[in-house]
Amino acid sequence: MSVAFDIERAAAAAGFHVPMPEGYEEELVERLKRRDEAAFNELIRLYQARIFRLVFRMLGDRSEAEDLAQEVFITVFKSIDGFRGDSKLSTWLYRVATNHCKNRIKYLDRRARGKKKEFDEIAEHGALESATMNPSAHIARPDQMLEAMQKEKILQDAIGSLEDEHRELIVLRDIEHMTYEQIQEITGLAEGTVKSRLHRARHALRTKVLRLSEGRRSSVPGAPPSPGKAELEEDALG
């Protein structure tokens, strides 16, 4: 079994930071700097799902996320010479991706794109997956699936309406489960700033989630009841 296959399998089971044998990351970076196409393809295999998940949560639009994820890897390939190895390769990738997201969000705002689109398909997939991936789980009833989809849609809409700096921290900390140290490396913020800003971001997210939930319940006569306040608060805080 090849080392590359072992690493790819470990990447699928791990968080964003992919565990690598000693010296492997340095070797991969050197190959990237030599413009080795196989190394570029390997980087994509290891990180494409993670990068897409990040940019999708930041943008809330599937087609935009797909396009931007490709741009992130193109940027990485072109600017790999600027990577000095002061942090993990994955941390640098995250920094590139979040900067692209911020720029794209500003561009979309200027274009007055309004509400983010195409999240229903992802929400439905998540509801089905959560009900069927566990062999011991019961197949969700239609009302349970609808409730899960409602909760996910409300949460994503709330995240999408946050200020950019709040959205970034919510995604990095509460969705990607990064440590404060990792977030500091990516954002360049001091630890105290990260914590205080994250506290405000969570408060803002909680408020938006509850407001969206109440608005949806009151605007659809005869619709199934929206998820309960306690459940939404729990989801909003991760």
Protein backbone atom coordinates (compact mmCIF):
# COMPACT_ATOMS: atom_id res chain seq x y z
CA MET A 1 0.00 0.00 0.00
CA SER A 2 1.44 3.38 -1.02
CA VAL A 3 2.22 6.20 1.40
CA ALA A 4 -0.03 8.50 -0.65
CA PHE A 5 -2.97 6.12 -0.24
CA ASP A 6 -2.37 5.86 3.51
CA ILE A 7 -2.34 9.63 3.82
CA GLU A 8 -5.48 10.04 1.71
CA ARG A 9 -7.30 7.51 3.89
CA ALA A 10 -6.14 9.30 7.04
CA ALA A 11 -7.25 12.61 5.58
CA ALA A 12 -10.75 11.30 5.07
CA ALA A 13 -11.02 10.35 8.73
CA ALA A 14 -9.25 13.35 10.23
CA GLY A 15 -10.04 17.03 10.61
CA PHE A 16 -8.72 19.65 8.25
CA HIS A 17 -5.09 19.06 9.20
CA VAL A 18 -3.97 15.90 7.44
CA PRO A 19 -1.56 13.71 9.44
CA MET A 20 1.55 13.01 7.38
CA PRO A 21 4.72 10.98 7.98
CA GLU A 22 7.73 13.02 9.03
CA GLY A 23 9.14 14.94 6.09
CA TYR A 24 6.27 14.11 3.74
CA GLU A 25 4.70 17.57 3.77
CA GLU A 26 8.06 19.19 3.05
CA GLU A 27 8.54 16.81 0.14
CA LEU A 28 5.06 17.58 -1.19
CA VAL A 29 5.74 21.32 -0.99
CA GLU A 30 9.04 20.94 -2.84
CA ARG A 31 7.30 18.97 -5.57
CA LEU A 32 4.64 21.67 -5.82
CA LYS A 33 7.36 24.31 -6.13
CA ARG A 34 8.83 22.30 -9.00
CA ARG A 35 5.36 22.52 -10.61
CA ASP A 36 4.93 18.75 -10.37
CA GLU A 37 1.46 18.04 -11.76
CA ALA A 38 1.15 14.79 -9.80
CA ALA A 39 1.82 16.68 -6.57
CA PHE A 40 -0.87 19.20 -7.48
CA ASN A 41 -3.37 16.39 -8.11
CA GLU A 42 -2.40 14.82 -4.79
CA LEU A 43 -3.00 18.11 -2.98
CA ILE A 44 -6.45 18.32 -4.55
CA ARG A 45 -7.32 14.75 -3.51
CA LEU A 46 -6.30 15.46 0.06
CA TYR A 47 -7.97 18.82 0.52
CA GLN A 48 -10.69 19.42 -2.06
CA ALA A 49 -13.54 18.23 0.18
CA ARG A 50 -12.31 20.37 3.09
CA ILE A 51 -11.82 23.46 0.95
CA PHE A 52 -15.24 23.07 -0.64
CA ARG A 53 -16.89 22.64 2.78
CA LEU A 54 -15.22 25.81 4.04
CA VAL A 55 -16.08 28.01 1.07
CA PHE A 56 -19.63 26.65 0.85
CA ARG A 57 -20.27 27.51 4.50
CA MET A 58 -18.77 30.95 3.95
CA LEU A 59 -20.68 31.69 0.73
CA GLY A 60 -23.83 29.61 1.13
CA ASP A 61 -24.04 29.09 -2.64
CA ARG A 62 -23.08 25.74 -4.16
CA SER A 63 -22.14 26.94 -7.64
CA GLU A 64 -20.12 29.85 -6.26
CA ALA A 65 -18.39 27.48 -3.84
CA GLU A 66 -17.46 25.06 -6.61
CA ASP A 67 -15.96 27.85 -8.71
CA LEU A 68 -14.13 29.41 -5.79
CA ALA A 69 -12.69 26.11 -4.57
CA GLN A 70 -11.10 25.65 -7.99
CA GLU A 71 -9.71 29.18 -7.84
CA VAL A 72 -8.19 28.48 -4.42
CA PHE A 73 -6.19 25.54 -5.75
CA ILE A 74 -5.09 27.47 -8.82
CA THR A 75 -3.89 30.29 -6.56
CA VAL A 76 -2.05 27.82 -4.33
CA PHE A 77 -0.31 26.25 -7.31
CA LYS A 78 0.73 29.65 -8.67
CA SER A 79 1.84 31.13 -5.34
CA ILE A 80 3.37 28.07 -3.65
CA ASP A 81 6.80 29.71 -3.89
CA GLY A 82 5.57 32.17 -1.26
CA PHE A 83 4.95 29.39 1.26
CA ARG A 84 7.86 29.55 3.72
CA GLY A 85 6.85 26.65 5.95
CA ASP A 86 6.21 28.84 9.01
CA SER A 87 2.89 27.04 9.47
CA LYS A 88 1.34 23.78 8.31
CA LEU A 89 0.46 23.57 4.64
CA SER A 90 -3.20 23.11 5.59
CA THR A 91 -3.16 26.33 7.65
CA TRP A 92 -1.78 28.22 4.67
CA LEU A 93 -4.43 26.65 2.45
CA TYR A 94 -7.12 27.77 4.86
CA ARG A 95 -5.71 31.31 4.85
CA VAL A 96 -5.77 31.43 1.05
CA ALA A 97 -9.33 30.03 1.01
CA THR A 98 -10.72 32.44 3.61
CA ASN A 99 -9.13 35.43 1.84
CA HIS A 100 -10.73 34.31 -1.42
CA CYS A 101 -14.07 33.97 0.37
CA LYS A 102 -13.87 37.49 1.78
CA ASN A 103 -13.09 38.92 -1.63
CA ARG A 104 -15.88 36.94 -3.29
CA ILE A 105 -18.40 37.99 -0.63
CA LYS A 106 -17.53 41.64 -1.23
CA TYR A 107 -17.88 41.12 -4.97
CA LEU A 108 -21.26 39.42 -4.57
CA ASP A 109 -22.45 42.16 -2.26
CA ARG A 110 -21.51 44.77 -4.86
CA ARG A 111 -23.44 42.81 -7.43
CA ALA A 112 -26.40 42.73 -5.03
CA ARG A 113 -26.79 39.02 -5.33
CA GLY A 114 -29.11 38.98 -2.30
CA LYS A 115 -30.06 35.68 -0.74
CA LYS A 116 -27.80 32.71 -1.11
CA LYS A 117 -29.18 29.87 -3.22
CA GLU A 118 -29.18 26.11 -3.75
CA PHE A 119 -28.79 25.07 -0.14
CA ASP A 120 -31.93 22.92 -0.05
CA GLU A 121 -30.27 20.10 -1.98
CA ILE A 122 -27.36 19.97 0.47
CA ALA A 123 -29.69 20.20 3.47
CA GLU A 124 -31.81 17.33 2.17
CA HIS A 125 -28.71 15.22 1.54
CA GLY A 126 -27.48 15.91 5.06
CA ALA A 127 -30.81 14.91 6.55
CA LEU A 128 -30.86 11.65 4.59
CA GLU A 129 -27.22 10.88 5.37
CA SER A 130 -27.60 11.48 9.08
CA ALA A 131 -30.53 9.08 9.15
CA THR A 132 -28.97 6.30 7.08
CA MET A 133 -25.20 6.29 7.65
CA ASN A 134 -25.47 4.78 11.14
CA PRO A 135 -26.41 1.07 10.72
CA SER A 136 -28.18 1.11 14.09
CA ALA A 137 -30.21 4.23 13.29
CA HIS A 138 -33.84 4.10 12.26
CA ILE A 139 -34.81 5.57 8.91
CA ALA A 140 -36.07 9.07 9.59
CA ARG A 141 -39.76 9.72 9.17
CA PRO A 142 -40.75 12.38 6.61
CA ASP A 143 -41.59 14.84 9.38
CA GLN A 144 -38.18 14.26 10.99
CA MET A 145 -36.42 14.80 7.66
CA LEU A 146 -38.40 18.00 7.07
CA GLU A 147 -37.50 19.30 10.51
CA ALA A 148 -33.80 18.53 9.94
CA MET A 149 -33.92 20.33 6.60
CA GLN A 150 -35.67 23.32 8.19
CA LYS A 151 -33.05 23.57 10.92
CA GLU A 152 -30.16 23.31 8.47
CA LYS A 153 -31.67 25.89 6.10
CA ILE A 154 -32.33 28.33 8.94
CA LEU A 155 -28.82 27.88 10.28
CA GLN A 156 -27.19 28.38 6.88
CA ASP A 157 -29.28 31.47 6.15
CA ALA A 158 -28.32 32.88 9.56
CA ILE A 159 -24.62 32.21 8.97
CA GLY A 160 -24.86 33.81 5.54
CA SER A 161 -26.34 36.99 7.01
CA LEU A 162 -23.56 37.48 9.57
CA GLU A 163 -20.90 40.14 9.15
CA ASP A 164 -17.87 38.76 7.30
CA GLU A 165 -15.59 38.72 10.34
CA HIS A 166 -18.23 36.94 12.43
CA ARG A 167 -19.04 34.42 9.72
CA GLU A 168 -15.37 33.53 9.34
CA LEU A 169 -14.93 32.77 13.04
CA ILE A 170 -18.16 30.77 13.29
CA VAL A 171 -17.10 28.62 10.36
CA LEU A 172 -13.52 28.13 11.56
CA ARG A 173 -14.32 27.44 15.20
CA ASP A 174 -17.82 25.96 15.37
CA ILE A 175 -18.02 24.17 12.02
CA GLU A 176 -14.41 23.25 11.25
CA HIS A 177 -13.60 22.86 14.99
CA MET A 178 -10.23 24.55 14.71
CA THR A 179 -8.24 25.49 17.79
CA TYR A 180 -7.80 29.10 18.82
CA GLU A 181 -4.12 28.82 17.93
CA GLN A 182 -4.97 27.66 14.40
CA ILE A 183 -7.52 30.45 14.00
CA GLN A 184 -4.90 32.97 15.10
CA GLU A 185 -2.51 31.69 12.44
CA ILE A 186 -5.15 31.96 9.74
CA THR A 187 -6.67 35.31 10.67
CA GLY A 188 -3.65 37.05 12.21
CA LEU A 189 -5.79 38.08 15.18
CA ALA A 190 -4.68 38.00 18.81
CA GLU A 191 -6.20 35.27 21.00
CA GLY A 192 -8.20 37.76 23.04
CA THR A 193 -9.61 39.33 19.89
CA VAL A 194 -10.58 35.92 18.52
CA LYS A 195 -12.41 34.97 21.70
CA SER A 196 -14.25 38.27 22.16
CA ARG A 197 -15.21 38.47 18.49
CA LEU A 198 -16.36 34.84 18.51
CA HIS A 199 -18.52 35.54 21.56
CA ARG A 200 -20.22 38.40 19.69
CA ALA A 201 -20.55 36.26 16.56
CA ARG A 202 -22.30 33.47 18.48
CA HIS A 203 -24.67 35.95 20.07
CA ALA A 204 -25.48 37.44 16.67
CA LEU A 205 -25.97 33.98 15.17
CA ARG A 206 -28.30 32.90 17.97
CA THR A 207 -30.39 36.04 17.51
CA LYS A 208 -30.63 35.58 13.74
CA VAL A 209 -31.50 31.88 14.01
CA LEU A 210 -34.37 32.56 16.40
CA ARG A 211 -35.61 35.51 14.32
CA LEU A 212 -35.58 33.45 11.12
CA SER A 213 -37.34 30.60 12.87
CA GLU A 214 -40.11 32.83 14.18
CA GLY A 215 -40.46 34.56 10.83
CA ARG A 216 -40.78 31.28 8.97
CA ARG A 217 -43.37 29.95 11.39
CA SER A 218 -45.54 33.06 11.11
CA SER A 219 -45.27 33.45 7.32
CA VAL A 220 -46.45 29.95 6.34
CA PRO A 221 -50.03 29.28 7.50
CA GLY A 222 -50.63 25.63 8.25
CA ALA A 223 -46.96 24.73 7.86
CA PRO A 224 -45.39 22.13 10.17
CA PRO A 225 -44.04 23.72 13.34
CA SER A 226 -40.52 25.06 13.10
CA PRO A 227 -37.80 23.47 15.24
CA GLY A 228 -37.99 24.40 18.89
CA LYS A 229 -36.11 27.34 20.35
CA ALA A 230 -33.86 25.15 22.50
CA GLU A 231 -32.88 22.95 19.53
CA LEU A 232 -32.05 25.92 17.34
CA GLU A 233 -30.01 27.58 20.06
CA GLU A 234 -28.03 24.37 20.50
CA ASP A 235 -27.35 24.12 16.75
CA ALA A 236 -26.41 27.79 16.52
CA LEU A 237 -23.78 27.38 19.23
CA GLY A 238 -22.35 24.20 17.72
